[in-house]
Amino acid sequence: MNKTELVAAVADKAEISRKDAEKAIKAFTDVITEELIKGEKIQIVGFGTFEVAERKAREGRNPKTKEKMPIAASRAPKFKAGKSLKDQVNI
């Protein structure tokens, strides 16, 4: 499912216009993104948790030349599905 299909599905499910559904989805993703940038954790009970994973700097290897190379520290968004969502998917 791509964004256009998601907007259409939300509009149908919530019985709202596609324009309103697109605004709601954009607002949702914007808020999640802003909170993750600040390092906050977003927990939606029954659905899951969005948080930022901190990756330490480390040394890696170029698989082609086997030469050692530094890998910089980074932050990555992470999603952990909640129990209710996992149970519904595994029916």
PDB file of N, CA and C in Angstrom:
ATOM      1  N   MET A   1       0.852  -1.175   0.000  1.00  0.00           N
ATOM      2  CA  MET A   1       0.000   0.000   0.000  1.00  0.00           C
ATOM      3  C   MET A   1       0.896   1.236   0.000  1.00  0.00           C
ATOM      4  N   ASN A   2       0.634   2.139  -0.918  1.00  0.00           N
ATOM      5  CA  ASN A   2       1.394   3.393  -0.943  1.00  0.00           C
ATOM      6  C   ASN A   2       0.573   4.498  -0.275  1.00  0.00           C
ATOM      7  N   LYS A   3       1.123   5.702  -0.257  1.00  0.00           N
ATOM      8  CA  LYS A   3       0.477   6.807   0.455  1.00  0.00           C
ATOM      9  C   LYS A   3      -0.898   7.133  -0.127  1.00  0.00           C
ATOM     10  N   THR A   4      -1.026   7.136  -1.433  1.00  0.00           N
ATOM     11  CA  THR A   4      -2.301   7.446  -2.073  1.00  0.00           C
ATOM     12  C   THR A   4      -3.372   6.431  -1.674  1.00  0.00           C
ATOM     13  N   GLU A   5      -2.990   5.155  -1.666  1.00  0.00           N
ATOM     14  CA  GLU A   5      -3.926   4.107  -1.270  1.00  0.00           C
ATOM     15  C   GLU A   5      -4.276   4.214   0.216  1.00  0.00           C
ATOM     16  N   LEU A   6      -3.297   4.586   1.046  1.00  0.00           N
ATOM     17  CA  LEU A   6      -3.543   4.780   2.468  1.00  0.00           C
ATOM     18  C   LEU A   6      -4.536   5.918   2.696  1.00  0.00           C
ATOM     19  N   VAL A   7      -4.347   7.025   1.995  1.00  0.00           N
ATOM     20  CA  VAL A   7      -5.261   8.176   2.112  1.00  0.00           C
ATOM     21  C   VAL A   7      -6.679   7.744   1.734  1.00  0.00           C
ATOM     22  N   ALA A   8      -6.814   7.003   0.647  1.00  0.00           N
ATOM     23  CA  ALA A   8      -8.135   6.552   0.204  1.00  0.00           C
ATOM     24  C   ALA A   8      -8.764   5.612   1.235  1.00  0.00           C
ATOM     25  N   ALA A   9      -7.985   4.698   1.800  1.00  0.00           N
ATOM     26  CA  ALA A   9      -8.505   3.755   2.780  1.00  0.00           C
ATOM     27  C   ALA A   9      -8.935   4.465   4.063  1.00  0.00           C
ATOM     28  N   VAL A  10      -8.142   5.436   4.517  1.00  0.00           N
ATOM     29  CA  VAL A  10      -8.490   6.191   5.726  1.00  0.00           C
ATOM     30  C   VAL A  10      -9.751   7.018   5.474  1.00  0.00           C
ATOM     31  N   ALA A  11      -9.832   7.632   4.312  1.00  0.00           N
ATOM     32  CA  ALA A  11     -11.012   8.439   3.969  1.00  0.00           C
ATOM     33  C   ALA A  11     -12.270   7.581   3.986  1.00  0.00           C
ATOM     34  N   ASP A  12     -12.188   6.382   3.407  1.00  0.00           N
ATOM     35  CA  ASP A  12     -13.350   5.487   3.388  1.00  0.00           C
ATOM     36  C   ASP A  12     -13.706   5.004   4.790  1.00  0.00           C
ATOM     37  N   LYS A  13     -12.706   4.601   5.557  1.00  0.00           N
ATOM     38  CA  LYS A  13     -12.932   4.046   6.902  1.00  0.00           C
ATOM     39  C   LYS A  13     -13.509   5.100   7.854  1.00  0.00           C
ATOM     40  N   ALA A  14     -12.982   6.320   7.779  1.00  0.00           N
ATOM     41  CA  ALA A  14     -13.429   7.390   8.676  1.00  0.00           C
ATOM     42  C   ALA A  14     -14.605   8.189   8.106  1.00  0.00           C
ATOM     43  N   GLU A  15     -14.995   7.859   6.895  1.00  0.00           N
ATOM     44  CA  GLU A  15     -16.081   8.564   6.204  1.00  0.00           C
ATOM     45  C   GLU A  15     -15.834  10.068   6.158  1.00  0.00           C
ATOM     46  N   ILE A  16     -14.615  10.423   5.708  1.00  0.00           N
ATOM     47  CA  ILE A  16     -14.230  11.828   5.521  1.00  0.00           C
ATOM     48  C   ILE A  16     -13.702  11.981   4.107  1.00  0.00           C
ATOM     49  N   SER A  17     -13.477  13.219   3.701  1.00  0.00           N
ATOM     50  CA  SER A  17     -12.968  13.457   2.351  1.00  0.00           C
ATOM     51  C   SER A  17     -11.506  13.023   2.261  1.00  0.00           C
ATOM     52  N   ARG A  18     -11.070  12.762   1.056  1.00  0.00           N
ATOM     53  CA  ARG A  18      -9.668  12.381   0.853  1.00  0.00           C
ATOM     54  C   ARG A  18      -8.731  13.512   1.250  1.00  0.00           C
ATOM     55  N   LYS A  19      -9.170  14.739   1.024  1.00  0.00           N
ATOM     56  CA  LYS A  19      -8.355  15.901   1.391  1.00  0.00           C
ATOM     57  C   LYS A  19      -8.149  15.952   2.905  1.00  0.00           C
ATOM     58  N   ASP A  20      -9.217  15.718   3.664  1.00  0.00           N
ATOM     59  CA  ASP A  20      -9.108  15.709   5.127  1.00  0.00           C
ATOM     60  C   ASP A  20      -8.270  14.530   5.612  1.00  0.00           C
ATOM     61  N   ALA A  21      -8.424  13.384   4.974  1.00  0.00           N
ATOM     62  CA  ALA A  21      -7.640  12.202   5.348  1.00  0.00           C
ATOM     63  C   ALA A  21      -6.156  12.461   5.090  1.00  0.00           C
ATOM     64  N   GLU A  22      -5.838  13.100   3.971  1.00  0.00           N
ATOM     65  CA  GLU A  22      -4.442  13.409   3.657  1.00  0.00           C
ATOM     66  C   GLU A  22      -3.863  14.388   4.686  1.00  0.00           C
ATOM     67  N   LYS A  23      -4.648  15.389   5.091  1.00  0.00           N
ATOM     68  CA  LYS A  23      -4.201  16.335   6.122  1.00  0.00           C
ATOM     69  C   LYS A  23      -3.931  15.614   7.439  1.00  0.00           C
ATOM     70  N   ALA A  24      -4.823  14.702   7.815  1.00  0.00           N
ATOM     71  CA  ALA A  24      -4.677  13.964   9.072  1.00  0.00           C
ATOM     72  C   ALA A  24      -3.426  13.082   9.046  1.00  0.00           C
ATOM     73  N   ILE A  25      -3.204  12.390   7.957  1.00  0.00           N
ATOM     74  CA  ILE A  25      -2.021  11.522   7.839  1.00  0.00           C
ATOM     75  C   ILE A  25      -0.752  12.358   7.857  1.00  0.00           C
ATOM     76  N   LYS A  26      -0.757  13.488   7.157  1.00  0.00           N
ATOM     77  CA  LYS A  26       0.420  14.363   7.150  1.00  0.00           C
ATOM     78  C   LYS A  26       0.687  14.906   8.550  1.00  0.00           C
ATOM     79  N   ALA A  27      -0.350  15.310   9.255  1.00  0.00           N
ATOM     80  CA  ALA A  27      -0.188  15.826  10.623  1.00  0.00           C
ATOM     81  C   ALA A  27       0.373  14.729  11.528  1.00  0.00           C
ATOM     82  N   PHE A  28      -0.125  13.512  11.395  1.00  0.00           N
ATOM     83  CA  PHE A  28       0.349  12.383  12.197  1.00  0.00           C
ATOM     84  C   PHE A  28       1.834  12.130  11.955  1.00  0.00           C
ATOM     85  N   THR A  29       2.232  12.041  10.695  1.00  0.00           N
ATOM     86  CA  THR A  29       3.644  11.767  10.393  1.00  0.00           C
ATOM     87  C   THR A  29       4.538  12.941  10.794  1.00  0.00           C
ATOM     88  N   ASP A  30       4.051  14.168  10.652  1.00  0.00           N
ATOM     89  CA  ASP A  30       4.835  15.340  11.057  1.00  0.00           C
ATOM     90  C   ASP A  30       5.082  15.348  12.562  1.00  0.00           C
ATOM     91  N   VAL A  31       4.048  15.050  13.342  1.00  0.00           N
ATOM     92  CA  VAL A  31       4.185  15.037  14.803  1.00  0.00           C
ATOM     93  C   VAL A  31       5.142  13.929  15.233  1.00  0.00           C
ATOM     94  N   ILE A  32       5.001  12.751  14.660  1.00  0.00           N
ATOM     95  CA  ILE A  32       5.906  11.636  14.984  1.00  0.00           C
ATOM     96  C   ILE A  32       7.343  12.032  14.667  1.00  0.00           C
ATOM     97  N   THR A  33       7.565  12.595  13.491  1.00  0.00           N
ATOM     98  CA  THR A  33       8.910  13.003  13.073  1.00  0.00           C
ATOM     99  C   THR A  33       9.490  14.054  14.010  1.00  0.00           C
ATOM    100  N   GLU A  34       8.703  15.077  14.344  1.00  0.00           N
ATOM    101  CA  GLU A  34       9.174  16.149  15.232  1.00  0.00           C
ATOM    102  C   GLU A  34       9.569  15.614  16.603  1.00  0.00           C
ATOM    103  N   GLU A  35       8.768  14.715  17.148  1.00  0.00           N
ATOM    104  CA  GLU A  35       9.059  14.149  18.462  1.00  0.00           C
ATOM    105  C   GLU A  35      10.310  13.267  18.423  1.00  0.00           C
ATOM    106  N   LEU A  36      10.473  12.501  17.362  1.00  0.00           N
ATOM    107  CA  LEU A  36      11.666  11.658  17.241  1.00  0.00           C
ATOM    108  C   LEU A  36      12.925  12.513  17.089  1.00  0.00           C
ATOM    109  N   ILE A  37      12.833  13.617  16.381  1.00  0.00           N
ATOM    110  CA  ILE A  37      13.972  14.539  16.236  1.00  0.00           C
ATOM    111  C   ILE A  37      14.384  15.063  17.605  1.00  0.00           C
ATOM    112  N   LYS A  38      13.397  15.332  18.476  1.00  0.00           N
ATOM    113  CA  LYS A  38      13.688  15.811  19.828  1.00  0.00           C
ATOM    114  C   LYS A  38      14.174  14.690  20.744  1.00  0.00           C
ATOM    115  N   GLY A  39      14.130  13.446  20.251  1.00  0.00           N
ATOM    116  CA  GLY A  39      14.571  12.313  21.061  1.00  0.00           C
ATOM    117  C   GLY A  39      13.482  11.736  21.938  1.00  0.00           C
ATOM    118  N   GLU A  40      12.255  12.142  21.712  1.00  0.00           N
ATOM    119  CA  GLU A  40      11.130  11.662  22.516  1.00  0.00           C
ATOM    120  C   GLU A  40      10.642  10.300  22.023  1.00  0.00           C
ATOM    121  N   LYS A  41       9.898   9.618  22.876  1.00  0.00           N
ATOM    122  CA  LYS A  41       9.320   8.320  22.569  1.00  0.00           C
ATOM    123  C   LYS A  41       7.814   8.507  22.442  1.00  0.00           C
ATOM    124  N   ILE A  42       7.200   7.928  21.415  1.00  0.00           N
ATOM    125  CA  ILE A  42       5.760   8.028  21.206  1.00  0.00           C
ATOM    126  C   ILE A  42       5.167   6.639  21.380  1.00  0.00           C
ATOM    127  N   GLN A  43       4.260   6.505  22.342  1.00  0.00           N
ATOM    128  CA  GLN A  43       3.658   5.215  22.628  1.00  0.00           C
ATOM    129  C   GLN A  43       2.161   5.287  22.353  1.00  0.00           C
ATOM    130  N   ILE A  44       1.688   4.436  21.446  1.00  0.00           N
ATOM    131  CA  ILE A  44       0.272   4.354  21.130  1.00  0.00           C
ATOM    132  C   ILE A  44      -0.194   2.991  21.645  1.00  0.00           C
ATOM    133  N   VAL A  45      -0.896   2.998  22.757  1.00  0.00           N
ATOM    134  CA  VAL A  45      -1.306   1.754  23.411  1.00  0.00           C
ATOM    135  C   VAL A  45      -2.116   0.892  22.442  1.00  0.00           C
ATOM    136  N   GLY A  46      -1.750  -0.362  22.350  1.00  0.00           N
ATOM    137  CA  GLY A  46      -2.434  -1.298  21.467  1.00  0.00           C
ATOM    138  C   GLY A  46      -1.885  -1.311  20.059  1.00  0.00           C
ATOM    139  N   PHE A  47      -1.081  -0.335  19.702  1.00  0.00           N
ATOM    140  CA  PHE A  47      -0.521  -0.273  18.352  1.00  0.00           C
ATOM    141  C   PHE A  47       0.984  -0.477  18.375  1.00  0.00           C
ATOM    142  N   GLY A  48       1.702   0.402  19.078  1.00  0.00           N
ATOM    143  CA  GLY A  48       3.145   0.244  19.144  1.00  0.00           C
ATOM    144  C   GLY A  48       3.841   1.493  19.647  1.00  0.00           C
ATOM    145  N   THR A  49       5.180   1.432  19.614  1.00  0.00           N
ATOM    146  CA  THR A  49       6.011   2.509  20.129  1.00  0.00           C
ATOM    147  C   THR A  49       7.023   2.948  19.082  1.00  0.00           C
ATOM    148  N   PHE A  50       7.108   4.246  18.886  1.00  0.00           N
ATOM    149  CA  PHE A  50       8.125   4.835  18.021  1.00  0.00           C
ATOM    150  C   PHE A  50       9.194   5.420  18.925  1.00  0.00           C
ATOM    151  N   GLU A  51      10.465   5.150  18.639  1.00  0.00           N
ATOM    152  CA  GLU A  51      11.551   5.742  19.412  1.00  0.00           C
ATOM    153  C   GLU A  51      12.803   5.838  18.553  1.00  0.00           C
ATOM    154  N   VAL A  52      13.830   6.487  19.119  1.00  0.00           N
ATOM    155  CA  VAL A  52      15.087   6.669  18.403  1.00  0.00           C
ATOM    156  C   VAL A  52      16.125   5.720  18.989  1.00  0.00           C
ATOM    157  N   ALA A  53      16.798   4.984  18.114  1.00  0.00           N
ATOM    158  CA  ALA A  53      17.874   4.090  18.543  1.00  0.00           C
ATOM    159  C   ALA A  53      19.204   4.802  18.294  1.00  0.00           C
ATOM    160  N   GLU A  54      20.047   4.819  19.303  1.00  0.00           N
ATOM    161  CA  GLU A  54      21.369   5.438  19.187  1.00  0.00           C
ATOM    162  C   GLU A  54      22.369   4.363  18.764  1.00  0.00           C
ATOM    163  N   ARG A  55      23.085   4.607  17.707  1.00  0.00           N
ATOM    164  CA  ARG A  55      24.115   3.674  17.247  1.00  0.00           C
ATOM    165  C   ARG A  55      25.478   4.281  17.519  1.00  0.00           C
ATOM    166  N   LYS A  56      26.326   3.550  18.212  1.00  0.00           N
ATOM    167  CA  LYS A  56      27.665   4.038  18.544  1.00  0.00           C
ATOM    168  C   LYS A  56      28.565   3.989  17.320  1.00  0.00           C
ATOM    169  N   ALA A  57      29.611   4.820  17.351  1.00  0.00           N
ATOM    170  CA  ALA A  57      30.618   4.766  16.292  1.00  0.00           C
ATOM    171  C   ALA A  57      31.331   3.423  16.407  1.00  0.00           C
ATOM    172  N   ARG A  58      31.687   2.877  15.280  1.00  0.00           N
ATOM    173  CA  ARG A  58      32.373   1.584  15.295  1.00  0.00           C
ATOM    174  C   ARG A  58      33.254   1.454  14.069  1.00  0.00           C
ATOM    175  N   GLU A  59      34.006   0.375  14.047  1.00  0.00           N
ATOM    176  CA  GLU A  59      34.887   0.133  12.917  1.00  0.00           C
ATOM    177  C   GLU A  59      34.285  -0.974  12.064  1.00  0.00           C
ATOM    178  N   GLY A  60      34.194  -0.735  10.775  1.00  0.00           N
ATOM    179  CA  GLY A  60      33.659  -1.728   9.856  1.00  0.00           C
ATOM    180  C   GLY A  60      34.704  -2.123   8.836  1.00  0.00           C
ATOM    181  N   ARG A  61      34.307  -2.956   7.907  1.00  0.00           N
ATOM    182  CA  ARG A  61      35.218  -3.389   6.845  1.00  0.00           C
ATOM    183  C   ARG A  61      34.539  -3.222   5.497  1.00  0.00           C
ATOM    184  N   ASN A  62      35.329  -2.782   4.525  1.00  0.00           N
ATOM    185  CA  ASN A  62      34.860  -2.722   3.157  1.00  0.00           C
ATOM    186  C   ASN A  62      34.845  -4.165   2.660  1.00  0.00           C
ATOM    187  N   PRO A  63      33.685  -4.709   2.301  1.00  0.00           N
ATOM    188  CA  PRO A  63      33.625  -6.117   1.912  1.00  0.00           C
ATOM    189  C   PRO A  63      34.426  -6.439   0.646  1.00  0.00           C
ATOM    190  N   LYS A  64      34.637  -5.447  -0.185  1.00  0.00           N
ATOM    191  CA  LYS A  64      35.356  -5.682  -1.428  1.00  0.00           C
ATOM    192  C   LYS A  64      36.870  -5.750  -1.205  1.00  0.00           C
ATOM    193  N   THR A  65      37.385  -4.798  -0.421  1.00  0.00           N
ATOM    194  CA  THR A  65      38.841  -4.718  -0.227  1.00  0.00           C
ATOM    195  C   THR A  65      39.295  -5.254   1.131  1.00  0.00           C
ATOM    196  N   LYS A  66      38.345  -5.558   2.010  1.00  0.00           N
ATOM    197  CA  LYS A  66      38.639  -6.022   3.383  1.00  0.00           C
ATOM    198  C   LYS A  66      39.365  -4.970   4.218  1.00  0.00           C
ATOM    199  N   GLU A  67      39.397  -3.744   3.727  1.00  0.00           N
ATOM    200  CA  GLU A  67      40.066  -2.647   4.420  1.00  0.00           C
ATOM    201  C   GLU A  67      39.177  -2.130   5.551  1.00  0.00           C
ATOM    202  N   LYS A  68      39.788  -1.832   6.713  1.00  0.00           N
ATOM    203  CA  LYS A  68      39.036  -1.287   7.838  1.00  0.00           C
ATOM    204  C   LYS A  68      38.635   0.153   7.545  1.00  0.00           C
ATOM    205  N   MET A  69      37.438   0.519   8.029  1.00  0.00           N
ATOM    206  CA  MET A  69      36.960   1.892   7.825  1.00  0.00           C
ATOM    207  C   MET A  69      36.073   2.285   8.997  1.00  0.00           C
ATOM    208  N   PRO A  70      36.126   3.564   9.389  1.00  0.00           N
ATOM    209  CA  PRO A  70      35.283   4.000  10.516  1.00  0.00           C
ATOM    210  C   PRO A  70      33.833   4.197  10.083  1.00  0.00           C
ATOM    211  N   ILE A  71      32.914   3.832  10.967  1.00  0.00           N
ATOM    212  CA  ILE A  71      31.492   4.078  10.745  1.00  0.00           C
ATOM    213  C   ILE A  71      31.054   5.043  11.849  1.00  0.00           C
ATOM    214  N   ALA A  72      30.563   6.185  11.448  1.00  0.00           N
ATOM    215  CA  ALA A  72      30.190   7.245  12.395  1.00  0.00           C
ATOM    216  C   ALA A  72      28.974   6.852  13.239  1.00  0.00           C
ATOM    217  N   ALA A  73      28.863   7.449  14.405  1.00  0.00           N
ATOM    218  CA  ALA A  73      27.690   7.257  15.259  1.00  0.00           C
ATOM    219  C   ALA A  73      26.478   7.851  14.542  1.00  0.00           C
ATOM    220  N   SER A  74      25.317   7.264  14.791  1.00  0.00           N
ATOM    221  CA  SER A  74      24.104   7.774  14.149  1.00  0.00           C
ATOM    222  C   SER A  74      22.881   7.477  15.006  1.00  0.00           C
ATOM    223  N   ARG A  75      21.783   8.097  14.614  1.00  0.00           N
ATOM    224  CA  ARG A  75      20.487   7.862  15.257  1.00  0.00           C
ATOM    225  C   ARG A  75      19.553   7.324  14.189  1.00  0.00           C
ATOM    226  N   ALA A  76      18.710   6.358  14.565  1.00  0.00           N
ATOM    227  CA  ALA A  76      17.777   5.768  13.603  1.00  0.00           C
ATOM    228  C   ALA A  76      16.408   5.606  14.243  1.00  0.00           C
ATOM    229  N   PRO A  77      15.335   5.900  13.498  1.00  0.00           N
ATOM    230  CA  PRO A  77      13.997   5.683  14.034  1.00  0.00           C
ATOM    231  C   PRO A  77      13.729   4.184  14.164  1.00  0.00           C
ATOM    232  N   LYS A  78      12.958   3.828  15.185  1.00  0.00           N
ATOM    233  CA  LYS A  78      12.664   2.421  15.454  1.00  0.00           C
ATOM    234  C   LYS A  78      11.194   2.300  15.835  1.00  0.00           C
ATOM    235  N   PHE A  79      10.545   1.240  15.374  1.00  0.00           N
ATOM    236  CA  PHE A  79       9.151   0.980  15.729  1.00  0.00           C
ATOM    237  C   PHE A  79       9.051  -0.408  16.317  1.00  0.00           C
ATOM    238  N   LYS A  80       8.387  -0.507  17.466  1.00  0.00           N
ATOM    239  CA  LYS A  80       8.156  -1.801  18.098  1.00  0.00           C
ATOM    240  C   LYS A  80       6.651  -1.995  18.182  1.00  0.00           C
ATOM    241  N   ALA A  81       6.161  -3.035  17.531  1.00  0.00           N
ATOM    242  CA  ALA A  81       4.725  -3.305  17.514  1.00  0.00           C
ATOM    243  C   ALA A  81       4.234  -3.687  18.901  1.00  0.00           C
ATOM    244  N   GLY A  82       3.041  -3.226  19.243  1.00  0.00           N
ATOM    245  CA  GLY A  82       2.421  -3.561  20.518  1.00  0.00           C
ATOM    246  C   GLY A  82       1.790  -4.945  20.479  1.00  0.00           C
ATOM    247  N   LYS A  83       1.480  -5.481  21.633  1.00  0.00           N
ATOM    248  CA  LYS A  83       0.938  -6.833  21.749  1.00  0.00           C
ATOM    249  C   LYS A  83      -0.369  -6.988  20.964  1.00  0.00           C
ATOM    250  N   SER A  84      -1.254  -6.019  21.076  1.00  0.00           N
ATOM    251  CA  SER A  84      -2.546  -6.093  20.390  1.00  0.00           C
ATOM    252  C   SER A  84      -2.357  -6.172  18.867  1.00  0.00           C
ATOM    253  N   LEU A  85      -1.468  -5.358  18.330  1.00  0.00           N
ATOM    254  CA  LEU A  85      -1.194  -5.382  16.889  1.00  0.00           C
ATOM    255  C   LEU A  85      -0.588  -6.720  16.479  1.00  0.00           C
ATOM    256  N   LYS A  86       0.357  -7.214  17.255  1.00  0.00           N
ATOM    257  CA  LYS A  86       0.967  -8.518  16.959  1.00  0.00           C
ATOM    258  C   LYS A  86      -0.080  -9.622  16.967  1.00  0.00           C
ATOM    259  N   ASP A  87      -0.967  -9.591  17.965  1.00  0.00           N
ATOM    260  CA  ASP A  87      -2.009 -10.619  18.060  1.00  0.00           C
ATOM    261  C   ASP A  87      -2.955 -10.568  16.859  1.00  0.00           C
ATOM    262  N   GLN A  88      -3.314  -9.376  16.423  1.00  0.00           N
ATOM    263  CA  GLN A  88      -4.229  -9.241  15.274  1.00  0.00           C
ATOM    264  C   GLN A  88      -3.574  -9.715  13.986  1.00  0.00           C
ATOM    265  N   VAL A  89      -2.289  -9.472  13.836  1.00  0.00           N
ATOM    266  CA  VAL A  89      -1.572  -9.883  12.623  1.00  0.00           C
ATOM    267  C   VAL A  89      -1.430 -11.414  12.579  1.00  0.00           C
ATOM    268  N   ASN A  90      -1.333 -12.047  13.752  1.00  0.00           N
ATOM    269  CA  ASN A  90      -1.102 -13.486  13.832  1.00  0.00           C
ATOM    270  C   ASN A  90      -2.382 -14.314  13.986  1.00  0.00           C
ATOM    271  N   ILE A  91      -3.497 -13.783  13.555  1.00  0.00           N
ATOM    272  CA  ILE A  91      -4.764 -14.531  13.654  1.00  0.00           C
ATOM    273  C   ILE A  91      -4.787 -15.630  12.622  1.00  0.00           C
TER     274      ILE A  91
END
